[in-house]
Amino acid sequence: MFSALYQIFITPLVQLTEFFYSLFFEVTGNQGIAVIGLSFVVTIFTLPLYMVAEQWQETERNIQKKLKPGVERIKSTFKGDEQYMVLSTFYRENHYHPIYALRSSFSLLIQIPFFIAAYNFLSNL
């Protein structure tokens, strides 16, 4: 299963990495400049994804800011299982699930396939 995911997601990124590295190396003749150019291209390609991730993070921050007074009040008033139940009810009333907090880590998840592809390409260079 992992090899299929690797073939679907990582292999095309490795090929794109190799193409742009080779292009920059042929133009400049310098490996360092080629790596910097490759970094610039990856940043340009992932910029729309980063913008979406930033919007999600901003949404999460706004929701957390809105819910913070209620959560603090619940945590100061209740303890143990009762706190958990009241907090769950509070989140449900505000149409929020604590798993939504993972939206803020989306920008890191975007970078992982590119790190793997760059590592595979550069380690075989």
PDB file of N, CA and C in Angstrom:
ATOM      1  N   MET A   1       0.809  -1.191   0.000  1.00  0.00           N
ATOM      2  CA  MET A   1       0.000   0.000   0.000  1.00  0.00           C
ATOM      3  C   MET A   1       0.859   1.263   0.000  1.00  0.00           C
ATOM      4  N   PHE A   2       1.920   1.265   0.842  1.00  0.00           N
ATOM      5  CA  PHE A   2       2.774   2.446   0.902  1.00  0.00           C
ATOM      6  C   PHE A   2       3.524   2.660  -0.400  1.00  0.00           C
ATOM      7  N   SER A   3       3.872   1.574  -1.081  1.00  0.00           N
ATOM      8  CA  SER A   3       4.571   1.746  -2.351  1.00  0.00           C
ATOM      9  C   SER A   3       3.642   2.350  -3.400  1.00  0.00           C
ATOM     10  N   ALA A   4       2.359   2.006  -3.336  1.00  0.00           N
ATOM     11  CA  ALA A   4       1.400   2.602  -4.270  1.00  0.00           C
ATOM     12  C   ALA A   4       1.253   4.095  -3.984  1.00  0.00           C
ATOM     13  N   LEU A   5       1.153   4.468  -2.714  1.00  0.00           N
ATOM     14  CA  LEU A   5       1.069   5.884  -2.360  1.00  0.00           C
ATOM     15  C   LEU A   5       2.345   6.620  -2.761  1.00  0.00           C
ATOM     16  N   TYR A   6       3.476   5.965  -2.583  1.00  0.00           N
ATOM     17  CA  TYR A   6       4.745   6.564  -2.981  1.00  0.00           C
ATOM     18  C   TYR A   6       4.753   6.808  -4.486  1.00  0.00           C
ATOM     19  N   GLN A   7       4.303   5.809  -5.258  1.00  0.00           N
ATOM     20  CA  GLN A   7       4.276   5.949  -6.714  1.00  0.00           C
ATOM     21  C   GLN A   7       3.315   7.043  -7.171  1.00  0.00           C
ATOM     22  N   ILE A   8       2.224   7.204  -6.463  1.00  0.00           N
ATOM     23  CA  ILE A   8       1.219   8.187  -6.862  1.00  0.00           C
ATOM     24  C   ILE A   8       1.630   9.605  -6.485  1.00  0.00           C
ATOM     25  N   PHE A   9       2.151   9.801  -5.273  1.00  0.00           N
ATOM     26  CA  PHE A   9       2.406  11.153  -4.786  1.00  0.00           C
ATOM     27  C   PHE A   9       3.862  11.586  -4.876  1.00  0.00           C
ATOM     28  N   ILE A  10       4.776  10.721  -4.481  1.00  0.00           N
ATOM     29  CA  ILE A  10       6.173  11.135  -4.342  1.00  0.00           C
ATOM     30  C   ILE A  10       6.937  11.055  -5.659  1.00  0.00           C
ATOM     31  N   THR A  11       6.739   9.992  -6.418  1.00  0.00           N
ATOM     32  CA  THR A  11       7.496   9.816  -7.664  1.00  0.00           C
ATOM     33  C   THR A  11       7.324  10.994  -8.626  1.00  0.00           C
ATOM     34  N   PRO A  12       6.115  11.497  -8.866  1.00  0.00           N
ATOM     35  CA  PRO A  12       6.018  12.681  -9.735  1.00  0.00           C
ATOM     36  C   PRO A  12       6.748  13.902  -9.170  1.00  0.00           C
ATOM     37  N   LEU A  13       6.729  14.049  -7.864  1.00  0.00           N
ATOM     38  CA  LEU A  13       7.453  15.168  -7.257  1.00  0.00           C
ATOM     39  C   LEU A  13       8.962  15.004  -7.405  1.00  0.00           C
ATOM     40  N   VAL A  14       9.444  13.769  -7.292  1.00  0.00           N
ATOM     41  CA  VAL A  14      10.869  13.513  -7.495  1.00  0.00           C
ATOM     42  C   VAL A  14      11.255  13.848  -8.936  1.00  0.00           C
ATOM     43  N   GLN A  15      10.412  13.471  -9.883  1.00  0.00           N
ATOM     44  CA  GLN A  15      10.702  13.768 -11.290  1.00  0.00           C
ATOM     45  C   GLN A  15      10.688  15.268 -11.565  1.00  0.00           C
ATOM     46  N   LEU A  16       9.730  15.979 -10.987  1.00  0.00           N
ATOM     47  CA  LEU A  16       9.707  17.439 -11.138  1.00  0.00           C
ATOM     48  C   LEU A  16      10.933  18.075 -10.485  1.00  0.00           C
ATOM     49  N   THR A  17      11.304  17.567  -9.336  1.00  0.00           N
ATOM     50  CA  THR A  17      12.496  18.065  -8.649  1.00  0.00           C
ATOM     51  C   THR A  17      13.732  17.861  -9.516  1.00  0.00           C
ATOM     52  N   GLU A  18      13.850  16.678 -10.075  1.00  0.00           N
ATOM     53  CA  GLU A  18      14.993  16.375 -10.942  1.00  0.00           C
ATOM     54  C   GLU A  18      15.005  17.275 -12.172  1.00  0.00           C
ATOM     55  N   PHE A  19      13.840  17.494 -12.775  1.00  0.00           N
ATOM     56  CA  PHE A  19      13.753  18.329 -13.977  1.00  0.00           C
ATOM     57  C   PHE A  19      14.212  19.757 -13.677  1.00  0.00           C
ATOM     58  N   PHE A  20      13.662  20.352 -12.614  1.00  0.00           N
ATOM     59  CA  PHE A  20      14.014  21.744 -12.325  1.00  0.00           C
ATOM     60  C   PHE A  20      15.446  21.882 -11.835  1.00  0.00           C
ATOM     61  N   TYR A  21      15.934  20.907 -11.086  1.00  0.00           N
ATOM     62  CA  TYR A  21      17.332  20.956 -10.671  1.00  0.00           C
ATOM     63  C   TYR A  21      18.240  20.906 -11.896  1.00  0.00           C
ATOM     64  N   SER A  22      17.955  19.982 -12.804  1.00  0.00           N
ATOM     65  CA  SER A  22      18.767  19.862 -14.023  1.00  0.00           C
ATOM     66  C   SER A  22      18.703  21.139 -14.850  1.00  0.00           C
ATOM     67  N   LEU A  23      17.520  21.720 -14.948  1.00  0.00           N
ATOM     68  CA  LEU A  23      17.353  22.959 -15.710  1.00  0.00           C
ATOM     69  C   LEU A  23      18.201  24.074 -15.106  1.00  0.00           C
ATOM     70  N   PHE A  24      18.113  24.269 -13.806  1.00  0.00           N
ATOM     71  CA  PHE A  24      18.899  25.324 -13.155  1.00  0.00           C
ATOM     72  C   PHE A  24      20.398  25.022 -13.214  1.00  0.00           C
ATOM     73  N   PHE A  25      20.754  23.746 -13.120  1.00  0.00           N
ATOM     74  CA  PHE A  25      22.183  23.400 -13.178  1.00  0.00           C
ATOM     75  C   PHE A  25      22.758  23.658 -14.570  1.00  0.00           C
ATOM     76  N   GLU A  26      21.978  23.332 -15.604  1.00  0.00           N
ATOM     77  CA  GLU A  26      22.458  23.593 -16.973  1.00  0.00           C
ATOM     78  C   GLU A  26      22.569  25.084 -17.252  1.00  0.00           C
ATOM     79  N   VAL A  27      21.660  25.875 -16.726  1.00  0.00           N
ATOM     80  CA  VAL A  27      21.684  27.315 -16.968  1.00  0.00           C
ATOM     81  C   VAL A  27      22.827  27.974 -16.205  1.00  0.00           C
ATOM     82  N   THR A  28      23.019  27.594 -14.937  1.00  0.00           N
ATOM     83  CA  THR A  28      24.016  28.277 -14.115  1.00  0.00           C
ATOM     84  C   THR A  28      25.348  27.541 -14.028  1.00  0.00           C
ATOM     85  N   GLY A  29      25.344  26.230 -14.128  1.00  0.00           N
ATOM     86  CA  GLY A  29      26.560  25.454 -13.965  1.00  0.00           C
ATOM     87  C   GLY A  29      27.019  25.355 -12.521  1.00  0.00           C
ATOM     88  N   ASN A  30      26.174  25.761 -11.582  1.00  0.00           N
ATOM     89  CA  ASN A  30      26.519  25.769 -10.167  1.00  0.00           C
ATOM     90  C   ASN A  30      25.463  24.974  -9.400  1.00  0.00           C
ATOM     91  N   GLN A  31      25.904  23.980  -8.625  1.00  0.00           N
ATOM     92  CA  GLN A  31      24.958  23.137  -7.895  1.00  0.00           C
ATOM     93  C   GLN A  31      24.235  23.908  -6.794  1.00  0.00           C
ATOM     94  N   GLY A  32      24.926  24.803  -6.140  1.00  0.00           N
ATOM     95  CA  GLY A  32      24.301  25.590  -5.074  1.00  0.00           C
ATOM     96  C   GLY A  32      23.179  26.474  -5.595  1.00  0.00           C
ATOM     97  N   ILE A  33      23.432  27.142  -6.716  1.00  0.00           N
ATOM     98  CA  ILE A  33      22.405  27.984  -7.337  1.00  0.00           C
ATOM     99  C   ILE A  33      21.242  27.119  -7.817  1.00  0.00           C
ATOM    100  N   ALA A  34      21.541  25.921  -8.294  1.00  0.00           N
ATOM    101  CA  ALA A  34      20.488  25.013  -8.754  1.00  0.00           C
ATOM    102  C   ALA A  34      19.574  24.609  -7.598  1.00  0.00           C
ATOM    103  N   VAL A  35      20.153  24.360  -6.428  1.00  0.00           N
ATOM    104  CA  VAL A  35      19.343  24.005  -5.256  1.00  0.00           C
ATOM    105  C   VAL A  35      18.496  25.195  -4.814  1.00  0.00           C
ATOM    106  N   ILE A  36      19.062  26.388  -4.839  1.00  0.00           N
ATOM    107  CA  ILE A  36      18.302  27.590  -4.478  1.00  0.00           C
ATOM    108  C   ILE A  36      17.169  27.816  -5.474  1.00  0.00           C
ATOM    109  N   GLY A  37      17.441  27.642  -6.766  1.00  0.00           N
ATOM    110  CA  GLY A  37      16.400  27.774  -7.788  1.00  0.00           C
ATOM    111  C   GLY A  37      15.312  26.732  -7.600  1.00  0.00           C
ATOM    112  N   LEU A  38      15.702  25.520  -7.270  1.00  0.00           N
ATOM    113  CA  LEU A  38      14.736  24.453  -7.008  1.00  0.00           C
ATOM    114  C   LEU A  38      13.848  24.814  -5.817  1.00  0.00           C
ATOM    115  N   SER A  39      14.442  25.357  -4.783  1.00  0.00           N
ATOM    116  CA  SER A  39      13.676  25.792  -3.619  1.00  0.00           C
ATOM    117  C   SER A  39      12.672  26.878  -4.006  1.00  0.00           C
ATOM    118  N   PHE A  40      13.083  27.798  -4.837  1.00  0.00           N
ATOM    119  CA  PHE A  40      12.201  28.872  -5.297  1.00  0.00           C
ATOM    120  C   PHE A  40      11.022  28.307  -6.091  1.00  0.00           C
ATOM    121  N   VAL A  41      11.272  27.352  -6.967  1.00  0.00           N
ATOM    122  CA  VAL A  41      10.206  26.749  -7.776  1.00  0.00           C
ATOM    123  C   VAL A  41       9.210  26.000  -6.885  1.00  0.00           C
ATOM    124  N   VAL A  42       9.707  25.248  -5.923  1.00  0.00           N
ATOM    125  CA  VAL A  42       8.820  24.520  -5.018  1.00  0.00           C
ATOM    126  C   VAL A  42       7.958  25.503  -4.226  1.00  0.00           C
ATOM    127  N   THR A  43       8.549  26.606  -3.804  1.00  0.00           N
ATOM    128  CA  THR A  43       7.786  27.620  -3.078  1.00  0.00           C
ATOM    129  C   THR A  43       6.692  28.215  -3.946  1.00  0.00           C
ATOM    130  N   ILE A  44       6.997  28.488  -5.193  1.00  0.00           N
ATOM    131  CA  ILE A  44       6.001  29.047  -6.119  1.00  0.00           C
ATOM    132  C   ILE A  44       4.869  28.050  -6.351  1.00  0.00           C
ATOM    133  N   PHE A  45       5.201  26.760  -6.522  1.00  0.00           N
ATOM    134  CA  PHE A  45       4.168  25.746  -6.764  1.00  0.00           C
ATOM    135  C   PHE A  45       3.259  25.535  -5.555  1.00  0.00           C
ATOM    136  N   THR A  46       3.818  25.636  -4.374  1.00  0.00           N
ATOM    137  CA  THR A  46       3.029  25.365  -3.168  1.00  0.00           C
ATOM    138  C   THR A  46       2.381  26.612  -2.580  1.00  0.00           C
ATOM    139  N   LEU A  47       2.638  27.764  -3.150  1.00  0.00           N
ATOM    140  CA  LEU A  47       2.081  29.009  -2.621  1.00  0.00           C
ATOM    141  C   LEU A  47       0.552  28.994  -2.536  1.00  0.00           C
ATOM    142  N   PRO A  48      -0.175  28.529  -3.548  1.00  0.00           N
ATOM    143  CA  PRO A  48      -1.642  28.489  -3.397  1.00  0.00           C
ATOM    144  C   PRO A  48      -2.096  27.591  -2.244  1.00  0.00           C
ATOM    145  N   LEU A  49      -1.404  26.476  -2.042  1.00  0.00           N
ATOM    146  CA  LEU A  49      -1.744  25.593  -0.929  1.00  0.00           C
ATOM    147  C   LEU A  49      -1.456  26.257   0.410  1.00  0.00           C
ATOM    148  N   TYR A  50      -0.345  26.984   0.481  1.00  0.00           N
ATOM    149  CA  TYR A  50      -0.023  27.695   1.711  1.00  0.00           C
ATOM    150  C   TYR A  50      -1.065  28.768   2.012  1.00  0.00           C
ATOM    151  N   MET A  51      -1.565  29.422   0.981  1.00  0.00           N
ATOM    152  CA  MET A  51      -2.566  30.473   1.194  1.00  0.00           C
ATOM    153  C   MET A  51      -3.851  29.866   1.763  1.00  0.00           C
ATOM    154  N   VAL A  52      -4.248  28.707   1.245  1.00  0.00           N
ATOM    155  CA  VAL A  52      -5.426  28.015   1.776  1.00  0.00           C
ATOM    156  C   VAL A  52      -5.175  27.603   3.218  1.00  0.00           C
ATOM    157  N   ALA A  53      -3.991  27.080   3.485  1.00  0.00           N
ATOM    158  CA  ALA A  53      -3.651  26.666   4.848  1.00  0.00           C
ATOM    159  C   ALA A  53      -3.653  27.861   5.801  1.00  0.00           C
ATOM    160  N   GLU A  54      -3.180  29.003   5.359  1.00  0.00           N
ATOM    161  CA  GLU A  54      -3.196  30.205   6.192  1.00  0.00           C
ATOM    162  C   GLU A  54      -4.622  30.655   6.491  1.00  0.00           C
ATOM    163  N   GLN A  55      -5.505  30.550   5.508  1.00  0.00           N
ATOM    164  CA  GLN A  55      -6.909  30.897   5.748  1.00  0.00           C
ATOM    165  C   GLN A  55      -7.514  29.966   6.792  1.00  0.00           C
ATOM    166  N   TRP A  56      -7.213  28.682   6.700  1.00  0.00           N
ATOM    167  CA  TRP A  56      -7.717  27.723   7.676  1.00  0.00           C
ATOM    168  C   TRP A  56      -7.185  28.033   9.069  1.00  0.00           C
ATOM    169  N   GLN A  57      -5.900  28.384   9.142  1.00  0.00           N
ATOM    170  CA  GLN A  57      -5.317  28.727  10.432  1.00  0.00           C
ATOM    171  C   GLN A  57      -5.972  29.977  11.009  1.00  0.00           C
ATOM    172  N   GLU A  58      -6.228  30.956  10.167  1.00  0.00           N
ATOM    173  CA  GLU A  58      -6.877  32.178  10.632  1.00  0.00           C
ATOM    174  C   GLU A  58      -8.295  31.881  11.117  1.00  0.00           C
ATOM    175  N   THR A  59      -9.004  31.025  10.397  1.00  0.00           N
ATOM    176  CA  THR A  59     -10.348  30.622  10.818  1.00  0.00           C
ATOM    177  C   THR A  59     -10.290  29.938  12.176  1.00  0.00           C
ATOM    178  N   GLU A  60      -9.323  29.049  12.344  1.00  0.00           N
ATOM    179  CA  GLU A  60      -9.172  28.332  13.615  1.00  0.00           C
ATOM    180  C   GLU A  60      -8.850  29.295  14.751  1.00  0.00           C
ATOM    181  N   ARG A  61      -7.967  30.265  14.493  1.00  0.00           N
ATOM    182  CA  ARG A  61      -7.634  31.249  15.523  1.00  0.00           C
ATOM    183  C   ARG A  61      -8.868  32.055  15.932  1.00  0.00           C
ATOM    184  N   ASN A  62      -9.663  32.455  14.949  1.00  0.00           N
ATOM    185  CA  ASN A  62     -10.869  33.234  15.250  1.00  0.00           C
ATOM    186  C   ASN A  62     -11.871  32.418  16.062  1.00  0.00           C
ATOM    187  N   ILE A  63     -12.036  31.154  15.704  1.00  0.00           N
ATOM    188  CA  ILE A  63     -12.959  30.289  16.443  1.00  0.00           C
ATOM    189  C   ILE A  63     -12.461  30.097  17.871  1.00  0.00           C
ATOM    190  N   GLN A  64     -11.160  29.842  18.025  1.00  0.00           N
ATOM    191  CA  GLN A  64     -10.592  29.658  19.365  1.00  0.00           C
ATOM    192  C   GLN A  64     -10.758  30.922  20.205  1.00  0.00           C
ATOM    193  N   LYS A  65     -10.551  32.079  19.571  1.00  0.00           N
ATOM    194  CA  LYS A  65     -10.694  33.348  20.288  1.00  0.00           C
ATOM    195  C   LYS A  65     -12.143  33.548  20.736  1.00  0.00           C
ATOM    196  N   LYS A  66     -13.085  33.165  19.865  1.00  0.00           N
ATOM    197  CA  LYS A  66     -14.501  33.315  20.186  1.00  0.00           C
ATOM    198  C   LYS A  66     -14.920  32.379  21.324  1.00  0.00           C
ATOM    199  N   LEU A  67     -14.393  31.159  21.326  1.00  0.00           N
ATOM    200  CA  LEU A  67     -14.778  30.156  22.315  1.00  0.00           C
ATOM    201  C   LEU A  67     -13.983  30.245  23.620  1.00  0.00           C
ATOM    202  N   LYS A  68     -12.881  30.979  23.628  1.00  0.00           N
ATOM    203  CA  LYS A  68     -11.979  30.992  24.774  1.00  0.00           C
ATOM    204  C   LYS A  68     -12.644  31.381  26.090  1.00  0.00           C
ATOM    205  N   PRO A  69     -13.452  32.434  26.145  1.00  0.00           N
ATOM    206  CA  PRO A  69     -14.061  32.771  27.451  1.00  0.00           C
ATOM    207  C   PRO A  69     -14.943  31.641  28.001  1.00  0.00           C
ATOM    208  N   GLY A  70     -15.724  31.024  27.144  1.00  0.00           N
ATOM    209  CA  GLY A  70     -16.578  29.927  27.601  1.00  0.00           C
ATOM    210  C   GLY A  70     -15.789  28.723  28.062  1.00  0.00           C
ATOM    211  N   VAL A  71     -14.737  28.391  27.322  1.00  0.00           N
ATOM    212  CA  VAL A  71     -13.896  27.242  27.681  1.00  0.00           C
ATOM    213  C   VAL A  71     -13.201  27.498  29.012  1.00  0.00           C
ATOM    214  N   GLU A  72     -12.667  28.705  29.202  1.00  0.00           N
ATOM    215  CA  GLU A  72     -11.998  29.018  30.468  1.00  0.00           C
ATOM    216  C   GLU A  72     -12.974  28.971  31.638  1.00  0.00           C
ATOM    217  N   ARG A  73     -14.189  29.462  31.412  1.00  0.00           N
ATOM    218  CA  ARG A  73     -15.200  29.433  32.471  1.00  0.00           C
ATOM    219  C   ARG A  73     -15.541  27.992  32.846  1.00  0.00           C
ATOM    220  N   ILE A  74     -15.688  27.143  31.825  1.00  0.00           N
ATOM    221  CA  ILE A  74     -16.007  25.732  32.078  1.00  0.00           C
ATOM    222  C   ILE A  74     -14.858  25.046  32.812  1.00  0.00           C
ATOM    223  N   LYS A  75     -13.623  25.305  32.378  1.00  0.00           N
ATOM    224  CA  LYS A  75     -12.468  24.659  33.009  1.00  0.00           C
ATOM    225  C   LYS A  75     -12.259  25.116  34.446  1.00  0.00           C
ATOM    226  N   SER A  76     -12.630  26.360  34.735  1.00  0.00           N
ATOM    227  CA  SER A  76     -12.457  26.832  36.117  1.00  0.00           C
ATOM    228  C   SER A  76     -13.584  26.350  37.025  1.00  0.00           C
ATOM    229  N   THR A  77     -14.738  26.055  36.439  1.00  0.00           N
ATOM    230  CA  THR A  77     -15.896  25.664  37.237  1.00  0.00           C
ATOM    231  C   THR A  77     -15.982  24.158  37.459  1.00  0.00           C
ATOM    232  N   PHE A  78     -15.714  23.383  36.424  1.00  0.00           N
ATOM    233  CA  PHE A  78     -15.912  21.938  36.490  1.00  0.00           C
ATOM    234  C   PHE A  78     -14.582  21.208  36.478  1.00  0.00           C
ATOM    235  N   LYS A  79     -14.588  19.974  36.973  1.00  0.00           N
ATOM    236  CA  LYS A  79     -13.393  19.127  37.003  1.00  0.00           C
ATOM    237  C   LYS A  79     -13.755  17.723  36.544  1.00  0.00           C
ATOM    238  N   GLY A  80     -12.777  17.014  36.011  1.00  0.00           N
ATOM    239  CA  GLY A  80     -12.923  15.597  35.666  1.00  0.00           C
ATOM    240  C   GLY A  80     -13.904  15.325  34.544  1.00  0.00           C
ATOM    241  N   ASP A  81     -14.688  14.274  34.735  1.00  0.00           N
ATOM    242  CA  ASP A  81     -15.653  13.843  33.717  1.00  0.00           C
ATOM    243  C   ASP A  81     -16.727  14.892  33.470  1.00  0.00           C
ATOM    244  N   GLU A  82     -17.113  15.580  34.522  1.00  0.00           N
ATOM    245  CA  GLU A  82     -18.134  16.617  34.375  1.00  0.00           C
ATOM    246  C   GLU A  82     -17.630  17.735  33.452  1.00  0.00           C
ATOM    247  N   GLN A  83     -16.371  18.108  33.616  1.00  0.00           N
ATOM    248  CA  GLN A  83     -15.764  19.119  32.747  1.00  0.00           C
ATOM    249  C   GLN A  83     -15.772  18.644  31.301  1.00  0.00           C
ATOM    250  N   TYR A  84     -15.415  17.389  31.094  1.00  0.00           N
ATOM    251  CA  TYR A  84     -15.398  16.834  29.741  1.00  0.00           C
ATOM    252  C   TYR A  84     -16.789  16.881  29.115  1.00  0.00           C
ATOM    253  N   MET A  85     -17.799  16.488  29.861  1.00  0.00           N
ATOM    254  CA  MET A  85     -19.167  16.457  29.331  1.00  0.00           C
ATOM    255  C   MET A  85     -19.683  17.864  29.020  1.00  0.00           C
ATOM    256  N   VAL A  86     -19.445  18.804  29.918  1.00  0.00           N
ATOM    257  CA  VAL A  86     -19.916  20.180  29.702  1.00  0.00           C
ATOM    258  C   VAL A  86     -19.159  20.812  28.538  1.00  0.00           C
ATOM    259  N   LEU A  87     -17.863  20.546  28.450  1.00  0.00           N
ATOM    260  CA  LEU A  87     -17.061  21.083  27.355  1.00  0.00           C
ATOM    261  C   LEU A  87     -17.504  20.494  26.014  1.00  0.00           C
ATOM    262  N   SER A  88     -17.800  19.205  25.992  1.00  0.00           N
ATOM    263  CA  SER A  88     -18.305  18.570  24.768  1.00  0.00           C
ATOM    264  C   SER A  88     -19.630  19.190  24.336  1.00  0.00           C
ATOM    265  N   THR A  89     -20.504  19.441  25.294  1.00  0.00           N
ATOM    266  CA  THR A  89     -21.788  20.077  24.998  1.00  0.00           C
ATOM    267  C   THR A  89     -21.585  21.502  24.485  1.00  0.00           C
ATOM    268  N   PHE A  90     -20.664  22.221  25.111  1.00  0.00           N
ATOM    269  CA  PHE A  90     -20.360  23.588  24.677  1.00  0.00           C
ATOM    270  C   PHE A  90     -19.861  23.604  23.233  1.00  0.00           C
ATOM    271  N   TYR A  91     -18.945  22.689  22.908  1.00  0.00           N
ATOM    272  CA  TYR A  91     -18.436  22.607  21.534  1.00  0.00           C
ATOM    273  C   TYR A  91     -19.556  22.243  20.562  1.00  0.00           C
ATOM    274  N   ARG A  92     -20.401  21.311  20.945  1.00  0.00           N
ATOM    275  CA  ARG A  92     -21.499  20.888  20.076  1.00  0.00           C
ATOM    276  C   ARG A  92     -22.462  22.047  19.821  1.00  0.00           C
ATOM    277  N   GLU A  93     -22.761  22.827  20.847  1.00  0.00           N
ATOM    278  CA  GLU A  93     -23.650  23.975  20.689  1.00  0.00           C
ATOM    279  C   GLU A  93     -23.067  25.024  19.754  1.00  0.00           C
ATOM    280  N   ASN A  94     -21.748  25.118  19.704  1.00  0.00           N
ATOM    281  CA  ASN A  94     -21.084  26.095  18.846  1.00  0.00           C
ATOM    282  C   ASN A  94     -20.613  25.497  17.517  1.00  0.00           C
ATOM    283  N   HIS A  95     -21.083  24.285  17.218  1.00  0.00           N
ATOM    284  CA  HIS A  95     -20.756  23.594  15.955  1.00  0.00           C
ATOM    285  C   HIS A  95     -19.238  23.495  15.751  1.00  0.00           C
ATOM    286  N   TYR A  96     -18.546  23.064  16.798  1.00  0.00           N
ATOM    287  CA  TYR A  96     -17.090  22.933  16.755  1.00  0.00           C
ATOM    288  C   TYR A  96     -16.708  21.570  17.294  1.00  0.00           C
ATOM    289  N   HIS A  97     -15.689  20.989  16.669  1.00  0.00           N
ATOM    290  CA  HIS A  97     -15.140  19.731  17.155  1.00  0.00           C
ATOM    291  C   HIS A  97     -13.647  19.956  17.406  1.00  0.00           C
ATOM    292  N   PRO A  98     -13.104  19.485  18.518  1.00  0.00           N
ATOM    293  CA  PRO A  98     -11.693  19.728  18.825  1.00  0.00           C
ATOM    294  C   PRO A  98     -10.729  19.225  17.740  1.00  0.00           C
ATOM    295  N   ILE A  99     -11.166  18.283  16.933  1.00  0.00           N
ATOM    296  CA  ILE A  99     -10.297  17.780  15.863  1.00  0.00           C
ATOM    297  C   ILE A  99     -10.057  18.850  14.800  1.00  0.00           C
ATOM    298  N   TYR A 100     -10.920  19.863  14.759  1.00  0.00           N
ATOM    299  CA  TYR A 100     -10.735  20.963  13.809  1.00  0.00           C
ATOM    300  C   TYR A 100      -9.440  21.721  14.073  1.00  0.00           C
ATOM    301  N   ALA A 101      -8.905  21.588  15.277  1.00  0.00           N
ATOM    302  CA  ALA A 101      -7.643  22.252  15.608  1.00  0.00           C
ATOM    303  C   ALA A 101      -6.498  21.732  14.744  1.00  0.00           C
ATOM    304  N   LEU A 102      -6.652  20.556  14.158  1.00  0.00           N
ATOM    305  CA  LEU A 102      -5.618  20.014  13.276  1.00  0.00           C
ATOM    306  C   LEU A 102      -5.497  20.808  11.981  1.00  0.00           C
ATOM    307  N   ARG A 103      -6.493  21.625  11.677  1.00  0.00           N
ATOM    308  CA  ARG A 103      -6.411  22.452  10.474  1.00  0.00           C
ATOM    309  C   ARG A 103      -5.191  23.349  10.514  1.00  0.00           C
ATOM    310  N   SER A 104      -4.761  23.728  11.695  1.00  0.00           N
ATOM    311  CA  SER A 104      -3.620  24.625  11.796  1.00  0.00           C
ATOM    312  C   SER A 104      -2.309  23.938  11.421  1.00  0.00           C
ATOM    313  N   SER A 105      -2.288  22.616  11.401  1.00  0.00           N
ATOM    314  CA  SER A 105      -1.062  21.905  11.022  1.00  0.00           C
ATOM    315  C   SER A 105      -1.052  21.519   9.545  1.00  0.00           C
ATOM    316  N   PHE A 106      -2.016  21.977   8.790  1.00  0.00           N
ATOM    317  CA  PHE A 106      -2.109  21.615   7.377  1.00  0.00           C
ATOM    318  C   PHE A 106      -0.906  22.101   6.576  1.00  0.00           C
ATOM    319  N   SER A 107      -0.376  23.284   6.927  1.00  0.00           N
ATOM    320  CA  SER A 107       0.768  23.793   6.176  1.00  0.00           C
ATOM    321  C   SER A 107       1.982  22.884   6.320  1.00  0.00           C
ATOM    322  N   LEU A 108       2.141  22.253   7.468  1.00  0.00           N
ATOM    323  CA  LEU A 108       3.229  21.293   7.645  1.00  0.00           C
ATOM    324  C   LEU A 108       2.988  20.039   6.813  1.00  0.00           C
ATOM    325  N   LEU A 109       1.749  19.582   6.774  1.00  0.00           N
ATOM    326  CA  LEU A 109       1.417  18.389   5.995  1.00  0.00           C
ATOM    327  C   LEU A 109       1.640  18.602   4.502  1.00  0.00           C
ATOM    328  N   ILE A 110       1.497  19.836   4.023  1.00  0.00           N
ATOM    329  CA  ILE A 110       1.768  20.143   2.624  1.00  0.00           C
ATOM    330  C   ILE A 110       3.245  19.935   2.316  1.00  0.00           C
ATOM    331  N   GLN A 111       4.101  20.276   3.253  1.00  0.00           N
ATOM    332  CA  GLN A 111       5.535  20.244   3.016  1.00  0.00           C
ATOM    333  C   GLN A 111       6.129  18.845   3.033  1.00  0.00           C
ATOM    334  N   ILE A 112       5.515  17.925   3.731  1.00  0.00           N
ATOM    335  CA  ILE A 112       6.102  16.594   3.910  1.00  0.00           C
ATOM    336  C   ILE A 112       6.388  15.878   2.596  1.00  0.00           C
ATOM    337  N   PRO A 113       5.447  15.794   1.632  1.00  0.00           N
ATOM    338  CA  PRO A 113       5.787  15.110   0.375  1.00  0.00           C
ATOM    339  C   PRO A 113       6.947  15.771  -0.366  1.00  0.00           C
ATOM    340  N   PHE A 114       7.040  17.094  -0.300  1.00  0.00           N
ATOM    341  CA  PHE A 114       8.141  17.785  -0.958  1.00  0.00           C
ATOM    342  C   PHE A 114       9.469  17.507  -0.265  1.00  0.00           C
ATOM    343  N   PHE A 115       9.457  17.414   1.057  1.00  0.00           N
ATOM    344  CA  PHE A 115      10.682  17.053   1.773  1.00  0.00           C
ATOM    345  C   PHE A 115      11.135  15.646   1.401  1.00  0.00           C
ATOM    346  N   ILE A 116      10.191  14.719   1.333  1.00  0.00           N
ATOM    347  CA  ILE A 116      10.535  13.340   0.973  1.00  0.00           C
ATOM    348  C   ILE A 116      11.092  13.284  -0.439  1.00  0.00           C
ATOM    349  N   ALA A 117      10.436  13.983  -1.374  1.00  0.00           N
ATOM    350  CA  ALA A 117      10.901  13.980  -2.764  1.00  0.00           C
ATOM    351  C   ALA A 117      12.282  14.613  -2.880  1.00  0.00           C
ATOM    352  N   ALA A 118      12.481  15.740  -2.212  1.00  0.00           N
ATOM    353  CA  ALA A 118      13.783  16.405  -2.269  1.00  0.00           C
ATOM    354  C   ALA A 118      14.868  15.536  -1.643  1.00  0.00           C
ATOM    355  N   TYR A 119      14.555  14.886  -0.539  1.00  0.00           N
ATOM    356  CA  TYR A 119      15.528  14.009   0.103  1.00  0.00           C
ATOM    357  C   TYR A 119      15.895  12.850  -0.822  1.00  0.00           C
ATOM    358  N   ASN A 120      14.891  12.217  -1.432  1.00  0.00           N
ATOM    359  CA  ASN A 120      15.177  11.096  -2.330  1.00  0.00           C
ATOM    360  C   ASN A 120      15.999  11.534  -3.521  1.00  0.00           C
ATOM    361  N   PHE A 121      15.672  12.675  -4.099  1.00  0.00           N
ATOM    362  CA  PHE A 121      16.429  13.136  -5.256  1.00  0.00           C
ATOM    363  C   PHE A 121      17.843  13.539  -4.872  1.00  0.00           C
ATOM    364  N   LEU A 122      17.970  14.371  -3.834  1.00  0.00           N
ATOM    365  CA  LEU A 122      19.288  14.878  -3.470  1.00  0.00           C
ATOM    366  C   LEU A 122      20.190  13.806  -2.878  1.00  0.00           C
ATOM    367  N   SER A 123      19.635  12.783  -2.252  1.00  0.00           N
ATOM    368  CA  SER A 123      20.473  11.710  -1.703  1.00  0.00           C
ATOM    369  C   SER A 123      21.031  10.820  -2.812  1.00  0.00           C
ATOM    370  N   ASN A 124      20.354  10.776  -3.941  1.00  0.00           N
ATOM    371  CA  ASN A 124      20.835   9.975  -5.075  1.00  0.00           C
ATOM    372  C   ASN A 124      21.681  10.799  -6.037  1.00  0.00           C
ATOM    373  N   LEU A 125      21.904  12.067  -5.744  1.00  0.00           N
ATOM    374  CA  LEU A 125      22.622  12.952  -6.644  1.00  0.00           C
ATOM    375  C   LEU A 125      24.109  12.639  -6.623  1.00  0.00           C
TER     376      LEU A 125
END
